[in-house]
Amino acid sequence: MAFITAPPVSVERCLQPEKPVSDLLDQYCRFVGCTADYVANFAPGKMPARNAEYRKWKASQEPTKGQATGSLSAAGKV
């Protein structure tokens, strides 16, 4: 078993946050001592776990066991 695992795949995206959000991101990064990329990768991974309505919606989107997996439209991708 390897001690070091492969890093997660990164994709490049261009986001345009509103000024107050951008300022808050910069402030939080200074507070934590990390990069905006780190915060941007971390935060969305935590938010859905705290949103019961999203979890319910996501569960309804996943195919049931034994059901063929169809492709999702662009609007259905998470």
N, C-alpha and C. Protein backbone atom coordinates (compact mmCIF):
# COMPACT_ATOMS: atom_id res chain seq x y z
N MET A 1 0.84 -1.17 0.00
CA MET A 1 0.00 0.00 0.00
C MET A 1 0.90 1.25 0.00
N ALA A 2 0.59 2.18 -0.86
CA ALA A 2 1.40 3.40 -0.98
C ALA A 2 1.09 4.37 0.17
N PHE A 3 2.13 5.04 0.63
CA PHE A 3 1.94 6.06 1.67
C PHE A 3 1.45 7.36 1.06
N ILE A 4 1.84 7.62 -0.17
CA ILE A 4 1.44 8.85 -0.85
C ILE A 4 0.46 8.49 -1.95
N THR A 5 -0.66 9.15 -1.96
CA THR A 5 -1.66 8.89 -2.99
C THR A 5 -1.59 9.97 -4.06
N ALA A 6 -2.15 9.68 -5.21
CA ALA A 6 -2.18 10.64 -6.30
C ALA A 6 -3.04 11.84 -5.90
N PRO A 7 -2.65 13.04 -6.30
CA PRO A 7 -3.46 14.22 -5.97
C PRO A 7 -4.76 14.20 -6.75
N PRO A 8 -5.77 14.90 -6.25
CA PRO A 8 -7.03 14.95 -6.99
C PRO A 8 -6.83 15.71 -8.31
N VAL A 9 -7.64 15.38 -9.28
CA VAL A 9 -7.57 16.04 -10.58
C VAL A 9 -8.08 17.47 -10.42
N SER A 10 -7.34 18.42 -10.96
CA SER A 10 -7.76 19.82 -10.91
C SER A 10 -8.22 20.24 -12.29
N VAL A 11 -9.22 21.09 -12.32
CA VAL A 11 -9.69 21.69 -13.56
C VAL A 11 -9.65 23.20 -13.39
N GLU A 12 -9.43 23.88 -14.48
CA GLU A 12 -9.37 25.33 -14.41
C GLU A 12 -10.74 25.90 -14.72
N ARG A 13 -11.18 26.82 -13.86
CA ARG A 13 -12.47 27.49 -14.05
C ARG A 13 -12.26 28.97 -13.82
N CYS A 14 -13.03 29.76 -14.47
CA CYS A 14 -12.96 31.20 -14.27
C CYS A 14 -14.25 31.63 -13.58
N LEU A 15 -14.12 32.10 -12.35
CA LEU A 15 -15.28 32.56 -11.59
C LEU A 15 -15.17 34.06 -11.39
N GLN A 16 -16.28 34.73 -11.31
CA GLN A 16 -16.29 36.16 -11.10
C GLN A 16 -17.14 36.49 -9.88
N PRO A 17 -16.55 36.37 -8.69
CA PRO A 17 -17.34 36.66 -7.49
C PRO A 17 -17.65 38.15 -7.38
N GLU A 18 -18.74 38.44 -6.72
CA GLU A 18 -19.09 39.83 -6.47
C GLU A 18 -18.06 40.43 -5.52
N LYS A 19 -17.88 41.74 -5.55
CA LYS A 19 -16.85 42.42 -4.79
C LYS A 19 -16.87 42.06 -3.30
N PRO A 20 -18.03 42.09 -2.62
CA PRO A 20 -18.00 41.73 -1.19
C PRO A 20 -17.55 40.30 -0.94
N VAL A 21 -17.90 39.39 -1.82
CA VAL A 21 -17.51 37.99 -1.68
C VAL A 21 -16.01 37.85 -1.92
N SER A 22 -15.51 38.54 -2.92
CA SER A 22 -14.08 38.52 -3.21
C SER A 22 -13.27 39.07 -2.04
N ASP A 23 -13.74 40.17 -1.46
CA ASP A 23 -13.06 40.76 -0.30
C ASP A 23 -13.07 39.80 0.89
N LEU A 24 -14.22 39.17 1.12
CA LEU A 24 -14.34 38.21 2.22
C LEU A 24 -13.40 37.02 2.00
N LEU A 25 -13.32 36.55 0.77
CA LEU A 25 -12.42 35.44 0.44
C LEU A 25 -10.97 35.83 0.74
N ASP A 26 -10.58 37.03 0.31
CA ASP A 26 -9.21 37.49 0.57
C ASP A 26 -8.94 37.59 2.07
N GLN A 27 -9.89 38.13 2.81
CA GLN A 27 -9.71 38.28 4.26
C GLN A 27 -9.61 36.91 4.93
N TYR A 28 -10.47 35.99 4.53
CA TYR A 28 -10.46 34.67 5.15
C TYR A 28 -9.15 33.94 4.84
N CYS A 29 -8.66 34.09 3.62
CA CYS A 29 -7.40 33.46 3.25
C CYS A 29 -6.25 34.00 4.08
N ARG A 30 -6.24 35.30 4.34
CA ARG A 30 -5.21 35.87 5.20
C ARG A 30 -5.34 35.32 6.61
N PHE A 31 -6.57 35.19 7.11
CA PHE A 31 -6.83 34.66 8.45
C PHE A 31 -6.32 33.23 8.59
N VAL A 32 -6.65 32.40 7.62
CA VAL A 32 -6.29 30.98 7.67
C VAL A 32 -4.84 30.77 7.25
N GLY A 33 -4.32 31.66 6.42
CA GLY A 33 -2.95 31.51 5.94
C GLY A 33 -2.86 30.53 4.79
N CYS A 34 -3.82 30.62 3.88
CA CYS A 34 -3.83 29.71 2.74
C CYS A 34 -4.22 30.47 1.48
N THR A 35 -4.31 29.76 0.39
CA THR A 35 -4.65 30.37 -0.89
C THR A 35 -6.16 30.37 -1.13
N ALA A 36 -6.56 31.24 -2.04
CA ALA A 36 -7.98 31.29 -2.42
C ALA A 36 -8.41 29.98 -3.08
N ASP A 37 -7.50 29.34 -3.81
CA ASP A 37 -7.82 28.05 -4.43
C ASP A 37 -8.18 27.01 -3.38
N TYR A 38 -7.43 27.01 -2.27
CA TYR A 38 -7.70 26.04 -1.21
C TYR A 38 -9.09 26.27 -0.62
N VAL A 39 -9.39 27.53 -0.30
CA VAL A 39 -10.71 27.85 0.28
C VAL A 39 -11.81 27.52 -0.72
N ALA A 40 -11.60 27.87 -1.99
CA ALA A 40 -12.62 27.61 -3.01
C ALA A 40 -12.85 26.11 -3.21
N ASN A 41 -11.84 25.30 -2.99
CA ASN A 41 -12.00 23.85 -3.09
C ASN A 41 -12.64 23.26 -1.84
N PHE A 42 -12.39 23.85 -0.70
CA PHE A 42 -12.85 23.31 0.57
C PHE A 42 -14.32 23.66 0.85
N ALA A 43 -14.67 24.91 0.70
CA ALA A 43 -16.00 25.38 1.10
C ALA A 43 -17.17 24.67 0.40
N PRO A 44 -17.17 24.57 -0.93
CA PRO A 44 -18.32 23.90 -1.57
C PRO A 44 -18.45 22.44 -1.17
N GLY A 45 -17.36 21.81 -0.78
CA GLY A 45 -17.44 20.43 -0.34
C GLY A 45 -18.13 20.27 1.00
N LYS A 46 -18.12 21.33 1.80
CA LYS A 46 -18.75 21.29 3.12
C LYS A 46 -20.20 21.78 3.11
N MET A 47 -20.51 22.73 2.26
CA MET A 47 -21.84 23.34 2.26
C MET A 47 -22.98 22.35 1.98
N PRO A 48 -22.87 21.51 0.96
CA PRO A 48 -23.99 20.59 0.69
C PRO A 48 -24.29 19.66 1.86
N ALA A 49 -23.29 19.28 2.63
CA ALA A 49 -23.51 18.38 3.76
C ALA A 49 -24.38 19.04 4.82
N ARG A 50 -24.42 20.35 4.84
CA ARG A 50 -25.22 21.08 5.83
C ARG A 50 -26.58 21.50 5.30
N ASN A 51 -26.88 21.19 4.05
CA ASN A 51 -28.12 21.63 3.43
C ASN A 51 -29.02 20.41 3.19
N ALA A 52 -29.98 20.23 4.07
CA ALA A 52 -30.85 19.05 4.00
C ALA A 52 -31.65 19.02 2.70
N GLU A 53 -32.09 20.17 2.23
CA GLU A 53 -32.88 20.21 1.00
C GLU A 53 -32.03 19.75 -0.19
N TYR A 54 -30.77 20.17 -0.23
CA TYR A 54 -29.87 19.73 -1.30
C TYR A 54 -29.64 18.22 -1.24
N ARG A 55 -29.40 17.69 -0.05
CA ARG A 55 -29.18 16.25 0.09
C ARG A 55 -30.38 15.46 -0.41
N LYS A 56 -31.56 15.94 -0.10
CA LYS A 56 -32.78 15.28 -0.55
C LYS A 56 -32.87 15.34 -2.08
N TRP A 57 -32.59 16.51 -2.65
CA TRP A 57 -32.62 16.66 -4.10
C TRP A 57 -31.60 15.74 -4.76
N LYS A 58 -30.38 15.71 -4.24
CA LYS A 58 -29.31 14.90 -4.82
C LYS A 58 -29.67 13.42 -4.78
N ALA A 59 -30.25 12.98 -3.67
CA ALA A 59 -30.65 11.58 -3.57
C ALA A 59 -31.69 11.23 -4.63
N SER A 60 -32.56 12.18 -4.96
CA SER A 60 -33.58 11.92 -5.98
C SER A 60 -32.98 11.89 -7.39
N GLN A 61 -31.78 12.47 -7.56
CA GLN A 61 -31.13 12.51 -8.87
C GLN A 61 -30.31 11.25 -9.15
N GLU A 62 -29.90 10.56 -8.12
CA GLU A 62 -29.05 9.38 -8.28
C GLU A 62 -29.90 8.19 -8.72
N PRO A 63 -29.39 7.43 -9.70
CA PRO A 63 -30.16 6.26 -10.14
C PRO A 63 -30.23 5.22 -9.03
N THR A 64 -31.35 4.52 -8.97
CA THR A 64 -31.50 3.47 -7.96
C THR A 64 -30.70 2.25 -8.38
N LYS A 65 -30.40 1.40 -7.43
CA LYS A 65 -29.61 0.20 -7.69
C LYS A 65 -30.32 -0.66 -8.75
N GLY A 66 -29.56 -1.08 -9.76
CA GLY A 66 -30.12 -1.92 -10.80
C GLY A 66 -30.69 -1.13 -11.96
N GLN A 67 -30.80 0.18 -11.83
CA GLN A 67 -31.33 1.01 -12.89
C GLN A 67 -30.18 1.47 -13.78
N ALA A 68 -30.39 1.49 -15.08
CA ALA A 68 -29.35 1.93 -16.00
C ALA A 68 -29.05 3.40 -15.78
N THR A 69 -27.78 3.75 -15.86
CA THR A 69 -27.37 5.13 -15.66
C THR A 69 -27.47 5.86 -16.99
N GLY A 70 -28.26 6.92 -17.01
CA GLY A 70 -28.38 7.75 -18.20
C GLY A 70 -27.50 8.96 -18.05
N SER A 71 -27.24 9.66 -19.15
CA SER A 71 -26.42 10.86 -19.04
C SER A 71 -27.28 12.01 -18.53
N LEU A 72 -26.65 12.88 -17.76
CA LEU A 72 -27.34 14.04 -17.23
C LEU A 72 -27.20 15.20 -18.20
N SER A 73 -28.22 16.04 -18.22
CA SER A 73 -28.11 17.25 -19.01
C SER A 73 -27.17 18.21 -18.29
N ALA A 74 -26.76 19.27 -18.96
CA ALA A 74 -25.85 20.25 -18.34
C ALA A 74 -26.48 20.83 -17.09
N ALA A 75 -27.79 20.99 -17.06
CA ALA A 75 -28.45 21.55 -15.88
C ALA A 75 -28.48 20.56 -14.73
N GLY A 76 -28.36 19.27 -15.01
CA GLY A 76 -28.42 18.27 -13.97
C GLY A 76 -27.09 17.94 -13.34
N LYS A 77 -26.01 18.47 -13.89
CA LYS A 77 -24.69 18.18 -13.33
C LYS A 77 -24.47 18.97 -12.07
N VAL A 78 -23.74 18.38 -11.15
CA VAL A 78 -23.43 19.03 -9.88
C VAL A 78 -22.03 19.57 -9.93
